[in-house]
Amino acid sequence: MLLKTMVYKKRDLTTVKETATLEEALAILEESGYRCVPILDESGKIFRGNIYKMHIYRHKANGGDMTLPVTYLLKNATKFIYVNSSFFNVFFTIKELPYIAVLDENNQFYGILTHSSLLNMLAQSWSVEQGSYVLTIASTGQQGDLAVISKIIAKYSSIASCITLDVGKDEFIRRTLITLPARTSKELCDKIVHQLEIKNFKVVEIEDLNAE
């Protein structure tokens, strides 16, 4: 996965050095407006973890010492990926984090990948801008189902994108989301749906991407 085009590079980021105090880190967070920022070592090359504004405020509200080093409230020290990490590694590592730290081939801090960047990439893979209708097709998940679905659709149209959901969640049901290309007519969409259901593939939802 080519992450470099999606990553916010170190030079464009607000960061905190590990030698900063909690008071200094809070001032940086307040000035930047971010709820958390990366903590780097003194050289600016090594990722130590993240510091969250809410954790500093909680510490301060409880009468905590604000002259302690920022590393006292360090979080997510092991939450990072590499510039050459696979999509699945990225997707399951970032989870509920606002961003994930990205390291280069030398284990040095390269930048961050934000949740919004990942969602934008997923939206592009869904072909929302280049699609017309999204068919949600239910199948049993048996070997060859996807090939049969693709073959049926290919008789009438190309496929703009294909995403399979529910893998591993339900042994008997798979949902395949097929996006038909732009300018596909409603009549052609209906014909494809009819042919799929003749072959016992239930189209459980049809989403019109052009609908307001």
N, C-alpha and C. Protein backbone atom coordinates (compact mmCIF):
# COMPACT_ATOMS: atom_id res chain seq x y z
N MET A 1 0.85 -1.19 0.00
CA MET A 1 0.00 0.00 0.00
C MET A 1 0.89 1.24 0.00
N LEU A 2 0.64 2.15 -0.91
CA LEU A 2 1.45 3.36 -1.01
C LEU A 2 0.89 4.43 -0.08
N LEU A 3 1.42 4.46 1.14
CA LEU A 3 0.91 5.39 2.15
C LEU A 3 1.44 6.81 1.98
N LYS A 4 2.58 6.93 1.34
CA LYS A 4 3.26 8.22 1.34
C LYS A 4 2.42 9.36 0.80
N THR A 5 1.52 9.06 -0.14
CA THR A 5 0.69 10.11 -0.71
C THR A 5 -0.42 10.53 0.26
N MET A 6 -0.69 9.72 1.28
CA MET A 6 -1.77 10.01 2.23
C MET A 6 -1.26 10.54 3.56
N VAL A 7 0.03 10.44 3.79
CA VAL A 7 0.60 10.78 5.09
C VAL A 7 0.90 12.28 5.19
N TYR A 8 0.57 12.85 6.35
CA TYR A 8 1.00 14.21 6.67
C TYR A 8 2.42 14.11 7.19
N LYS A 9 3.36 14.73 6.50
CA LYS A 9 4.77 14.56 6.82
C LYS A 9 5.17 15.36 8.06
N LYS A 10 6.24 14.92 8.68
CA LYS A 10 6.71 15.48 9.94
C LYS A 10 6.89 16.99 9.87
N ARG A 11 7.43 17.47 8.76
CA ARG A 11 7.72 18.91 8.66
C ARG A 11 6.47 19.78 8.72
N ASP A 12 5.30 19.18 8.45
CA ASP A 12 4.04 19.94 8.45
C ASP A 12 3.24 19.76 9.73
N LEU A 13 3.80 19.06 10.70
CA LEU A 13 3.04 18.69 11.90
C LEU A 13 3.45 19.51 13.12
N THR A 14 2.53 19.57 14.07
CA THR A 14 2.83 20.10 15.40
C THR A 14 3.24 18.91 16.27
N THR A 15 4.40 18.97 16.86
CA THR A 15 4.88 17.88 17.71
C THR A 15 5.40 18.46 19.03
N VAL A 16 5.62 17.56 19.99
CA VAL A 16 6.16 17.96 21.30
C VAL A 16 7.41 17.13 21.55
N LYS A 17 8.47 17.77 22.04
CA LYS A 17 9.68 17.03 22.40
C LYS A 17 9.50 16.35 23.75
N GLU A 18 10.15 15.22 23.91
CA GLU A 18 9.98 14.43 25.14
C GLU A 18 10.50 15.17 26.37
N THR A 19 11.30 16.20 26.16
CA THR A 19 11.83 16.97 27.29
C THR A 19 10.89 18.08 27.75
N ALA A 20 9.82 18.29 27.02
CA ALA A 20 8.86 19.34 27.39
C ALA A 20 8.11 18.94 28.66
N THR A 21 7.68 19.94 29.41
CA THR A 21 6.84 19.68 30.59
C THR A 21 5.39 19.56 30.17
N LEU A 22 4.56 19.08 31.07
CA LEU A 22 3.13 19.00 30.79
C LEU A 22 2.55 20.39 30.54
N GLU A 23 3.04 21.38 31.28
CA GLU A 23 2.57 22.75 31.09
C GLU A 23 2.90 23.25 29.69
N GLU A 24 4.11 22.97 29.23
CA GLU A 24 4.53 23.38 27.90
C GLU A 24 3.75 22.63 26.82
N ALA A 25 3.51 21.36 27.05
CA ALA A 25 2.75 20.56 26.09
C ALA A 25 1.31 21.07 25.98
N LEU A 26 0.73 21.44 27.11
CA LEU A 26 -0.64 21.96 27.10
C LEU A 26 -0.71 23.27 26.31
N ALA A 27 0.29 24.11 26.47
CA ALA A 27 0.32 25.38 25.73
C ALA A 27 0.39 25.12 24.22
N ILE A 28 1.18 24.13 23.83
CA ILE A 28 1.30 23.78 22.41
C ILE A 28 -0.02 23.24 21.88
N LEU A 29 -0.66 22.39 22.66
CA LEU A 29 -1.96 21.83 22.25
C LEU A 29 -3.01 22.92 22.14
N GLU A 30 -3.04 23.83 23.09
CA GLU A 30 -4.01 24.92 23.06
C GLU A 30 -3.80 25.82 21.85
N GLU A 31 -2.55 26.14 21.58
CA GLU A 31 -2.24 27.02 20.46
C GLU A 31 -2.57 26.37 19.11
N SER A 32 -2.31 25.06 19.01
CA SER A 32 -2.54 24.36 17.74
C SER A 32 -4.01 24.02 17.53
N GLY A 33 -4.74 23.82 18.62
CA GLY A 33 -6.14 23.44 18.51
C GLY A 33 -6.36 21.95 18.39
N TYR A 34 -5.27 21.16 18.41
CA TYR A 34 -5.39 19.70 18.29
C TYR A 34 -5.68 19.07 19.63
N ARG A 35 -6.36 17.94 19.61
CA ARG A 35 -6.64 17.26 20.88
C ARG A 35 -5.49 16.35 21.30
N CYS A 36 -4.62 15.99 20.35
CA CYS A 36 -3.41 15.26 20.70
C CYS A 36 -2.36 15.47 19.63
N VAL A 37 -1.11 15.32 20.00
CA VAL A 37 0.01 15.48 19.06
C VAL A 37 1.06 14.44 19.39
N PRO A 38 1.94 14.14 18.42
CA PRO A 38 3.01 13.16 18.67
C PRO A 38 4.09 13.72 19.60
N ILE A 39 4.66 12.83 20.39
CA ILE A 39 5.83 13.15 21.20
C ILE A 39 7.04 12.54 20.51
N LEU A 40 8.07 13.36 20.26
CA LEU A 40 9.29 12.89 19.62
C LEU A 40 10.48 13.07 20.56
N ASP A 41 11.56 12.34 20.30
CA ASP A 41 12.76 12.52 21.11
C ASP A 41 13.41 13.86 20.77
N GLU A 42 14.49 14.16 21.44
CA GLU A 42 15.14 15.46 21.28
C GLU A 42 15.61 15.69 19.85
N SER A 43 15.96 14.62 19.14
CA SER A 43 16.44 14.75 17.76
C SER A 43 15.29 14.97 16.78
N GLY A 44 14.07 14.68 17.22
CA GLY A 44 12.92 14.80 16.33
C GLY A 44 12.78 13.64 15.37
N LYS A 45 13.52 12.56 15.61
CA LYS A 45 13.50 11.42 14.70
C LYS A 45 12.76 10.20 15.24
N ILE A 46 12.70 10.08 16.55
CA ILE A 46 12.13 8.88 17.17
C ILE A 46 10.76 9.19 17.79
N PHE A 47 9.77 8.39 17.41
CA PHE A 47 8.42 8.53 17.95
C PHE A 47 8.35 7.88 19.32
N ARG A 48 7.89 8.66 20.30
CA ARG A 48 7.76 8.13 21.66
C ARG A 48 6.32 7.74 22.00
N GLY A 49 5.36 8.45 21.42
CA GLY A 49 3.96 8.20 21.72
C GLY A 49 3.15 9.46 21.46
N ASN A 50 1.95 9.52 22.00
CA ASN A 50 1.09 10.68 21.84
C ASN A 50 0.77 11.31 23.19
N ILE A 51 0.48 12.60 23.17
CA ILE A 51 0.00 13.29 24.36
C ILE A 51 -1.37 13.88 24.06
N TYR A 52 -2.34 13.60 24.93
CA TYR A 52 -3.71 14.05 24.74
C TYR A 52 -4.04 15.21 25.67
N LYS A 53 -4.72 16.20 25.11
CA LYS A 53 -5.11 17.37 25.89
C LYS A 53 -5.96 16.98 27.10
N MET A 54 -6.90 16.04 26.89
CA MET A 54 -7.82 15.69 27.98
C MET A 54 -7.08 15.04 29.15
N HIS A 55 -6.02 14.28 28.86
CA HIS A 55 -5.27 13.65 29.94
C HIS A 55 -4.51 14.69 30.76
N ILE A 56 -3.98 15.72 30.08
CA ILE A 56 -3.30 16.78 30.82
C ILE A 56 -4.28 17.55 31.68
N TYR A 57 -5.45 17.88 31.14
CA TYR A 57 -6.45 18.62 31.91
C TYR A 57 -6.93 17.80 33.11
N ARG A 58 -7.10 16.51 32.90
CA ARG A 58 -7.53 15.65 34.00
C ARG A 58 -6.46 15.63 35.11
N HIS A 59 -5.22 15.53 34.67
CA HIS A 59 -4.09 15.54 35.61
C HIS A 59 -4.05 16.86 36.37
N LYS A 60 -4.23 17.97 35.66
CA LYS A 60 -4.20 19.30 36.27
C LYS A 60 -5.37 19.49 37.24
N ALA A 61 -6.55 19.02 36.83
CA ALA A 61 -7.74 19.17 37.68
C ALA A 61 -7.61 18.40 38.98
N ASN A 62 -6.82 17.33 38.96
CA ASN A 62 -6.62 16.51 40.16
C ASN A 62 -5.42 16.99 40.98
N GLY A 63 -4.93 18.20 40.65
CA GLY A 63 -3.83 18.77 41.42
C GLY A 63 -2.47 18.22 41.06
N GLY A 64 -2.35 17.63 39.86
CA GLY A 64 -1.09 17.02 39.45
C GLY A 64 -0.01 18.05 39.16
N ASP A 65 1.22 17.61 39.26
CA ASP A 65 2.38 18.47 39.02
C ASP A 65 2.53 18.72 37.53
N MET A 66 2.41 19.97 37.11
CA MET A 66 2.48 20.32 35.68
C MET A 66 3.92 20.50 35.20
N THR A 67 4.88 20.38 36.12
CA THR A 67 6.28 20.47 35.70
C THR A 67 6.87 19.10 35.36
N LEU A 68 6.06 18.08 35.50
CA LEU A 68 6.51 16.74 35.12
C LEU A 68 6.74 16.69 33.60
N PRO A 69 7.64 15.80 33.15
CA PRO A 69 7.86 15.69 31.70
C PRO A 69 6.62 15.16 31.00
N VAL A 70 6.44 15.54 29.75
CA VAL A 70 5.26 15.16 28.99
C VAL A 70 5.12 13.64 28.88
N THR A 71 6.25 12.94 28.97
CA THR A 71 6.22 11.48 28.88
C THR A 71 5.49 10.83 30.06
N TYR A 72 5.24 11.61 31.11
CA TYR A 72 4.51 11.08 32.27
C TYR A 72 3.10 10.63 31.86
N LEU A 73 2.52 11.33 30.88
CA LEU A 73 1.17 10.99 30.40
C LEU A 73 1.20 10.46 28.96
N LEU A 74 2.32 9.94 28.58
CA LEU A 74 2.48 9.41 27.22
C LEU A 74 1.52 8.25 26.96
N LYS A 75 0.92 8.24 25.76
CA LYS A 75 0.01 7.17 25.36
C LYS A 75 0.39 6.67 23.96
N ASN A 76 -0.09 5.47 23.63
CA ASN A 76 0.02 4.92 22.26
C ASN A 76 1.45 4.73 21.80
N ALA A 77 2.35 4.40 22.71
CA ALA A 77 3.76 4.24 22.34
C ALA A 77 3.98 3.13 21.32
N THR A 78 3.13 2.12 21.33
CA THR A 78 3.30 0.99 20.40
C THR A 78 2.34 1.06 19.22
N LYS A 79 1.62 2.17 19.10
CA LYS A 79 0.66 2.31 18.01
C LYS A 79 1.31 3.06 16.84
N PHE A 80 1.86 2.31 15.93
CA PHE A 80 2.48 2.92 14.75
C PHE A 80 2.48 1.91 13.61
N ILE A 81 2.66 2.42 12.41
CA ILE A 81 2.78 1.60 11.22
C ILE A 81 4.01 2.07 10.45
N TYR A 82 4.29 1.37 9.36
CA TYR A 82 5.41 1.76 8.51
C TYR A 82 4.89 2.24 7.15
N VAL A 83 5.72 2.97 6.44
CA VAL A 83 5.30 3.50 5.13
C VAL A 83 4.97 2.39 4.15
N ASN A 84 5.48 1.18 4.39
CA ASN A 84 5.20 0.06 3.49
C ASN A 84 4.24 -0.95 4.11
N SER A 85 3.52 -0.55 5.17
CA SER A 85 2.56 -1.46 5.81
C SER A 85 1.40 -1.78 4.87
N SER A 86 0.83 -2.96 5.07
CA SER A 86 -0.32 -3.37 4.26
C SER A 86 -1.57 -2.63 4.71
N PHE A 87 -2.58 -2.60 3.83
CA PHE A 87 -3.83 -1.92 4.15
C PHE A 87 -4.46 -2.51 5.40
N PHE A 88 -4.47 -3.84 5.52
CA PHE A 88 -5.14 -4.47 6.65
C PHE A 88 -4.44 -4.14 7.96
N ASN A 89 -3.12 -4.05 7.93
CA ASN A 89 -2.39 -3.65 9.12
C ASN A 89 -2.75 -2.23 9.52
N VAL A 90 -2.83 -1.35 8.54
CA VAL A 90 -3.20 0.05 8.79
C VAL A 90 -4.61 0.13 9.37
N PHE A 91 -5.54 -0.53 8.71
CA PHE A 91 -6.95 -0.43 9.06
C PHE A 91 -7.21 -0.92 10.49
N PHE A 92 -6.59 -2.02 10.88
CA PHE A 92 -6.87 -2.58 12.19
C PHE A 92 -5.98 -2.01 13.29
N THR A 93 -4.95 -1.25 12.91
CA THR A 93 -4.11 -0.60 13.92
C THR A 93 -4.68 0.75 14.32
N ILE A 94 -5.21 1.49 13.36
CA ILE A 94 -5.69 2.84 13.64
C ILE A 94 -6.96 2.83 14.49
N LYS A 95 -7.88 1.94 14.20
CA LYS A 95 -9.12 1.76 14.95
C LYS A 95 -9.71 3.09 15.43
N GLU A 96 -9.71 3.32 16.75
CA GLU A 96 -10.36 4.52 17.29
C GLU A 96 -9.40 5.68 17.51
N LEU A 97 -8.16 5.54 17.05
CA LEU A 97 -7.20 6.63 17.21
C LEU A 97 -7.51 7.75 16.22
N PRO A 98 -7.25 8.99 16.60
CA PRO A 98 -7.46 10.10 15.65
C PRO A 98 -6.47 10.05 14.49
N TYR A 99 -5.31 9.45 14.76
CA TYR A 99 -4.30 9.25 13.71
C TYR A 99 -3.36 8.14 14.17
N ILE A 100 -2.59 7.63 13.24
CA ILE A 100 -1.59 6.62 13.56
C ILE A 100 -0.23 7.14 13.11
N ALA A 101 0.77 6.99 13.96
CA ALA A 101 2.12 7.43 13.61
C ALA A 101 2.68 6.53 12.52
N VAL A 102 3.45 7.12 11.61
CA VAL A 102 4.05 6.38 10.49
C VAL A 102 5.57 6.49 10.60
N LEU A 103 6.24 5.35 10.56
CA LEU A 103 7.69 5.30 10.62
C LEU A 103 8.25 4.92 9.25
N ASP A 104 9.47 5.37 8.98
CA ASP A 104 10.10 5.01 7.72
C ASP A 104 10.87 3.70 7.87
N GLU A 105 11.62 3.34 6.83
CA GLU A 105 12.34 2.07 6.82
C GLU A 105 13.43 1.99 7.89
N ASN A 106 13.83 3.13 8.42
CA ASN A 106 14.86 3.18 9.47
C ASN A 106 14.27 3.36 10.86
N ASN A 107 12.97 3.11 10.99
CA ASN A 107 12.27 3.24 12.27
C ASN A 107 12.23 4.68 12.78
N GLN A 108 12.40 5.63 11.89
CA GLN A 108 12.33 7.03 12.27
C GLN A 108 10.95 7.61 11.92
N PHE A 109 10.54 8.59 12.71
CA PHE A 109 9.21 9.18 12.53
C PHE A 109 9.11 9.87 11.17
N TYR A 110 8.12 9.44 10.39
CA TYR A 110 7.92 9.98 9.04
C TYR A 110 6.75 10.97 9.00
N GLY A 111 5.69 10.66 9.76
CA GLY A 111 4.52 11.53 9.78
C GLY A 111 3.34 10.80 10.40
N ILE A 112 2.14 11.23 10.06
CA ILE A 112 0.94 10.58 10.60
C ILE A 112 -0.07 10.33 9.48
N LEU A 113 -0.85 9.29 9.67
CA LEU A 113 -1.99 9.00 8.80
C LEU A 113 -3.24 9.23 9.62
N THR A 114 -4.09 10.15 9.18
CA THR A 114 -5.30 10.48 9.95
C THR A 114 -6.46 9.59 9.55
N HIS A 115 -7.44 9.54 10.45
CA HIS A 115 -8.67 8.80 10.18
C HIS A 115 -9.34 9.34 8.91
N SER A 116 -9.38 10.66 8.77
CA SER A 116 -10.07 11.26 7.63
C SER A 116 -9.39 10.89 6.31
N SER A 117 -8.06 10.82 6.30
CA SER A 117 -7.35 10.43 5.08
C SER A 117 -7.70 9.01 4.69
N LEU A 118 -7.78 8.13 5.69
CA LEU A 118 -8.12 6.73 5.42
C LEU A 118 -9.54 6.61 4.90
N LEU A 119 -10.46 7.37 5.49
CA LEU A 119 -11.85 7.34 5.04
C LEU A 119 -11.99 7.88 3.63
N ASN A 120 -11.21 8.93 3.31
CA ASN A 120 -11.24 9.47 1.94
C ASN A 120 -10.76 8.45 0.94
N MET A 121 -9.71 7.70 1.31
CA MET A 121 -9.20 6.66 0.44
C MET A 121 -10.24 5.57 0.21
N LEU A 122 -10.96 5.19 1.28
CA LEU A 122 -12.00 4.18 1.15
C LEU A 122 -13.14 4.68 0.27
N ALA A 123 -13.47 5.97 0.41
CA ALA A 123 -14.53 6.54 -0.42
C ALA A 123 -14.14 6.50 -1.89
N GLN A 124 -12.86 6.76 -2.18
CA GLN A 124 -12.39 6.71 -3.56
C GLN A 124 -12.45 5.29 -4.10
N SER A 125 -12.11 4.29 -3.25
CA SER A 125 -12.15 2.91 -3.69
C SER A 125 -13.59 2.45 -3.95
N TRP A 126 -14.53 3.13 -3.30
CA TRP A 126 -15.94 2.81 -3.49
C TRP A 126 -16.46 3.39 -4.81
N SER A 127 -15.67 4.24 -5.43
CA SER A 127 -16.03 4.87 -6.71
C SER A 127 -17.32 5.68 -6.61
N VAL A 128 -17.46 6.40 -5.50
CA VAL A 128 -18.66 7.21 -5.31
C VAL A 128 -18.79 8.26 -6.41
N GLU A 129 -17.66 8.88 -6.76
CA GLU A 129 -17.71 9.96 -7.76
C GLU A 129 -17.88 9.42 -9.18
N GLN A 130 -17.42 8.18 -9.42
CA GLN A 130 -17.48 7.62 -10.77
C GLN A 130 -18.55 6.56 -10.92
N GLY A 131 -19.38 6.37 -9.89
CA GLY A 131 -20.38 5.32 -9.93
C GLY A 131 -21.79 5.84 -10.16
N SER A 132 -22.71 4.89 -10.34
CA SER A 132 -24.12 5.24 -10.54
C SER A 132 -25.00 4.55 -9.50
N TYR A 133 -24.93 3.22 -9.45
CA TYR A 133 -25.71 2.44 -8.50
C TYR A 133 -24.78 1.49 -7.74
N VAL A 134 -25.08 1.31 -6.45
CA VAL A 134 -24.37 0.32 -5.65
C VAL A 134 -25.34 -0.81 -5.33
N LEU A 135 -25.01 -2.01 -5.77
CA LEU A 135 -25.85 -3.18 -5.50
C LEU A 135 -25.28 -3.95 -4.32
N THR A 136 -26.08 -4.15 -3.30
CA THR A 136 -25.68 -4.99 -2.17
C THR A 136 -26.26 -6.38 -2.42
N ILE A 137 -25.38 -7.32 -2.68
CA ILE A 137 -25.78 -8.65 -3.12
C ILE A 137 -25.46 -9.67 -2.03
N ALA A 138 -26.48 -10.39 -1.57
CA ALA A 138 -26.29 -11.42 -0.55
C ALA A 138 -26.04 -12.76 -1.22
N SER A 139 -25.06 -13.48 -0.68
CA SER A 139 -24.75 -14.81 -1.19
C SER A 139 -24.38 -15.72 -0.03
N THR A 140 -24.19 -16.99 -0.31
CA THR A 140 -23.86 -17.96 0.74
C THR A 140 -22.38 -17.95 1.08
N GLY A 141 -21.57 -17.31 0.25
CA GLY A 141 -20.14 -17.29 0.51
C GLY A 141 -19.43 -18.52 0.03
N GLN A 142 -20.09 -19.31 -0.79
CA GLN A 142 -19.46 -20.52 -1.30
C GLN A 142 -18.39 -20.17 -2.33
N GLN A 143 -17.47 -21.09 -2.51
CA GLN A 143 -16.40 -20.88 -3.47
C GLN A 143 -16.98 -20.65 -4.87
N GLY A 144 -16.55 -19.61 -5.52
CA GLY A 144 -17.00 -19.32 -6.88
C GLY A 144 -18.15 -18.34 -6.97
N ASP A 145 -18.75 -17.96 -5.82
CA ASP A 145 -19.88 -17.03 -5.85
C ASP A 145 -19.49 -15.69 -6.48
N LEU A 146 -18.37 -15.15 -6.07
CA LEU A 146 -17.95 -13.85 -6.59
C LEU A 146 -17.69 -13.92 -8.08
N ALA A 147 -17.11 -15.02 -8.53
CA ALA A 147 -16.84 -15.19 -9.96
C ALA A 147 -18.14 -15.24 -10.76
N VAL A 148 -19.14 -15.92 -10.21
CA VAL A 148 -20.43 -16.02 -10.90
C VAL A 148 -21.12 -14.66 -10.94
N ILE A 149 -21.11 -13.94 -9.81
CA ILE A 149 -21.71 -12.60 -9.75
C ILE A 149 -21.05 -11.69 -10.78
N SER A 150 -19.73 -11.71 -10.81
CA SER A 150 -18.99 -10.86 -11.74
C SER A 150 -19.31 -11.22 -13.19
N LYS A 151 -19.44 -12.48 -13.46
CA LYS A 151 -19.72 -12.94 -14.82
C LYS A 151 -21.10 -12.48 -15.28
N ILE A 152 -22.07 -12.55 -14.38
CA ILE A 152 -23.43 -12.11 -14.72
C ILE A 152 -23.43 -10.62 -15.04
N ILE A 153 -22.80 -9.83 -14.18
CA ILE A 153 -22.79 -8.39 -14.39
C ILE A 153 -22.00 -8.02 -15.64
N ALA A 154 -20.90 -8.73 -15.89
CA ALA A 154 -20.03 -8.41 -17.03
C ALA A 154 -20.72 -8.60 -18.37
N LYS A 155 -21.81 -9.33 -18.41
CA LYS A 155 -22.57 -9.48 -19.65
C LYS A 155 -23.24 -8.18 -20.06
N TYR A 156 -23.44 -7.30 -19.07
CA TYR A 156 -24.20 -6.08 -19.34
C TYR A 156 -23.43 -4.79 -19.01
N SER A 157 -22.42 -4.91 -18.15
CA SER A 157 -21.76 -3.69 -17.69
C SER A 157 -20.38 -4.01 -17.15
N SER A 158 -19.53 -2.98 -17.10
CA SER A 158 -18.27 -3.12 -16.37
C SER A 158 -18.56 -2.89 -14.88
N ILE A 159 -17.56 -3.13 -14.04
CA ILE A 159 -17.71 -2.97 -12.60
C ILE A 159 -16.75 -1.87 -12.13
N ALA A 160 -17.31 -0.82 -11.52
CA ALA A 160 -16.48 0.29 -11.06
C ALA A 160 -15.71 -0.07 -9.80
N SER A 161 -16.34 -0.82 -8.90
CA SER A 161 -15.64 -1.26 -7.69
C SER A 161 -16.39 -2.43 -7.08
N CYS A 162 -15.68 -3.17 -6.23
CA CYS A 162 -16.27 -4.34 -5.57
C CYS A 162 -15.70 -4.44 -4.16
N ILE A 163 -16.60 -4.51 -3.17
CA ILE A 163 -16.19 -4.64 -1.77
C ILE A 163 -17.03 -5.76 -1.15
N THR A 164 -16.38 -6.67 -0.42
CA THR A 164 -17.08 -7.75 0.25
C THR A 164 -17.10 -7.49 1.75
N LEU A 165 -18.28 -7.58 2.35
CA LEU A 165 -18.45 -7.35 3.78
C LEU A 165 -18.87 -8.62 4.49
N ASP A 166 -18.80 -8.59 5.82
CA ASP A 166 -19.28 -9.66 6.69
C ASP A 166 -18.43 -10.92 6.66
N VAL A 167 -17.28 -10.89 6.02
CA VAL A 167 -16.43 -12.08 6.01
C VAL A 167 -16.02 -12.41 7.44
N GLY A 168 -16.30 -13.66 7.85
CA GLY A 168 -15.96 -14.09 9.20
C GLY A 168 -17.03 -13.78 10.23
N LYS A 169 -17.99 -12.96 9.88
CA LYS A 169 -19.04 -12.60 10.84
C LYS A 169 -20.18 -13.62 10.82
N ASP A 170 -20.55 -14.05 9.66
CA ASP A 170 -21.65 -15.00 9.51
C ASP A 170 -21.24 -16.05 8.50
N GLU A 171 -21.29 -17.28 8.90
CA GLU A 171 -20.81 -18.38 8.06
C GLU A 171 -21.65 -18.55 6.81
N PHE A 172 -22.90 -18.09 6.85
CA PHE A 172 -23.81 -18.39 5.76
C PHE A 172 -24.15 -17.21 4.86
N ILE A 173 -23.80 -16.01 5.27
CA ILE A 173 -24.18 -14.84 4.48
C ILE A 173 -22.95 -13.99 4.18
N ARG A 174 -22.80 -13.62 2.92
CA ARG A 174 -21.79 -12.64 2.52
C ARG A 174 -22.50 -11.52 1.78
N ARG A 175 -22.07 -10.31 1.99
CA ARG A 175 -22.63 -9.18 1.27
C ARG A 175 -21.56 -8.59 0.39
N THR A 176 -21.82 -8.57 -0.90
CA THR A 176 -20.89 -8.02 -1.86
C THR A 176 -21.46 -6.73 -2.42
N LEU A 177 -20.72 -5.66 -2.30
CA LEU A 177 -21.17 -4.35 -2.80
C LEU A 177 -20.50 -4.09 -4.14
N ILE A 178 -21.31 -4.07 -5.17
CA ILE A 178 -20.84 -3.82 -6.52
C ILE A 178 -21.28 -2.43 -6.96
N THR A 179 -20.34 -1.58 -7.35
CA THR A 179 -20.68 -0.26 -7.88
C THR A 179 -20.65 -0.31 -9.39
N LEU A 180 -21.77 0.05 -9.99
CA LEU A 180 -21.85 0.11 -11.45
C LEU A 180 -21.30 1.46 -11.93
N PRO A 181 -20.73 1.50 -13.12
CA PRO A 181 -20.09 2.74 -13.59
C PRO A 181 -21.09 3.87 -13.82
N ALA A 182 -20.56 5.09 -13.87
CA ALA A 182 -21.39 6.26 -14.12
C ALA A 182 -22.15 6.11 -15.43
N ARG A 183 -23.31 6.77 -15.46
CA ARG A 183 -24.18 6.79 -16.65
C ARG A 183 -24.86 5.45 -16.91
N THR A 184 -24.81 4.53 -15.93
CA THR A 184 -25.60 3.31 -16.06
C THR A 184 -27.07 3.67 -15.87
N SER A 185 -27.90 3.27 -16.80
CA SER A 185 -29.32 3.63 -16.74
C SER A 185 -30.04 2.80 -15.70
N LYS A 186 -31.19 3.32 -15.26
CA LYS A 186 -32.01 2.58 -14.31
C LYS A 186 -32.50 1.28 -14.94
N GLU A 187 -32.79 1.32 -16.22
CA GLU A 187 -33.27 0.13 -16.91
C GLU A 187 -32.20 -0.96 -16.93
N LEU A 188 -30.96 -0.57 -17.20
CA LEU A 188 -29.88 -1.56 -17.22
C LEU A 188 -29.62 -2.10 -15.82
N CYS A 189 -29.67 -1.21 -14.82
CA CYS A 189 -29.50 -1.65 -13.43
C CYS A 189 -30.56 -2.68 -13.07
N ASP A 190 -31.80 -2.40 -13.41
CA ASP A 190 -32.89 -3.34 -13.11
C ASP A 190 -32.68 -4.68 -13.81
N LYS A 191 -32.17 -4.64 -15.03
CA LYS A 191 -31.93 -5.87 -15.78
C LYS A 191 -30.85 -6.71 -15.11
N ILE A 192 -29.79 -6.05 -14.64
CA ILE A 192 -28.72 -6.77 -13.94
C ILE A 192 -29.25 -7.39 -12.66
N VAL A 193 -30.05 -6.63 -11.91
CA VAL A 193 -30.64 -7.14 -10.67
C VAL A 193 -31.49 -8.36 -10.96
N HIS A 194 -32.28 -8.29 -12.02
CA HIS A 194 -33.15 -9.41 -12.39
C HIS A 194 -32.33 -10.65 -12.70
N GLN A 195 -31.25 -10.48 -13.45
CA GLN A 195 -30.42 -11.62 -13.82
C GLN A 195 -29.71 -12.22 -12.60
N LEU A 196 -29.31 -11.39 -11.68
CA LEU A 196 -28.68 -11.88 -10.46
C LEU A 196 -29.66 -12.71 -9.63
N GLU A 197 -30.88 -12.23 -9.53
CA GLU A 197 -31.87 -12.93 -8.70
C GLU A 197 -32.36 -14.21 -9.36
N ILE A 198 -32.31 -14.27 -10.68
CA ILE A 198 -32.62 -15.53 -11.38
C ILE A 198 -31.63 -16.62 -10.94
N LYS A 199 -30.38 -16.19 -10.71
CA LYS A 199 -29.33 -17.13 -10.29
C LYS A 199 -29.26 -17.26 -8.77
N ASN A 200 -30.31 -16.83 -8.08
CA ASN A 200 -30.44 -16.98 -6.63
C ASN A 200 -29.48 -16.12 -5.81
N PHE A 201 -29.07 -15.00 -6.40
CA PHE A 201 -28.32 -14.01 -5.63
C PHE A 201 -29.28 -12.88 -5.28
N LYS A 202 -29.57 -12.72 -4.00
CA LYS A 202 -30.54 -11.73 -3.55
C LYS A 202 -29.90 -10.35 -3.50
N VAL A 203 -30.47 -9.40 -4.24
CA VAL A 203 -30.02 -8.01 -4.17
C VAL A 203 -30.83 -7.33 -3.08
N VAL A 204 -30.19 -7.15 -1.92
CA VAL A 204 -30.92 -6.68 -0.74
C VAL A 204 -31.05 -5.16 -0.70
N GLU A 205 -30.22 -4.46 -1.49
CA GLU A 205 -30.32 -3.01 -1.50
C GLU A 205 -29.74 -2.46 -2.80
N ILE A 206 -30.37 -1.41 -3.31
CA ILE A 206 -29.87 -0.70 -4.48
C ILE A 206 -29.77 0.77 -4.09
N GLU A 207 -28.55 1.28 -4.08
CA GLU A 207 -28.34 2.69 -3.71
C GLU A 207 -28.01 3.51 -4.94
N ASP A 208 -28.79 4.55 -5.15
CA ASP A 208 -28.58 5.44 -6.29
C ASP A 208 -27.62 6.55 -5.85
N LEU A 209 -26.38 6.52 -6.36
CA LEU A 209 -25.38 7.51 -5.97
C LEU A 209 -25.68 8.90 -6.53
N ASN A 210 -26.57 8.96 -7.49
CA ASN A 210 -26.91 10.25 -8.09
C ASN A 210 -28.10 10.91 -7.41
N ALA A 211 -28.73 10.19 -6.51
CA ALA A 211 -29.89 10.73 -5.82
C ALA A 211 -29.47 11.83 -4.87
N GLU A 212 -30.23 12.88 -4.76
CA GLU A 212 -29.91 14.00 -3.89
C GLU A 212 -30.23 13.63 -2.43
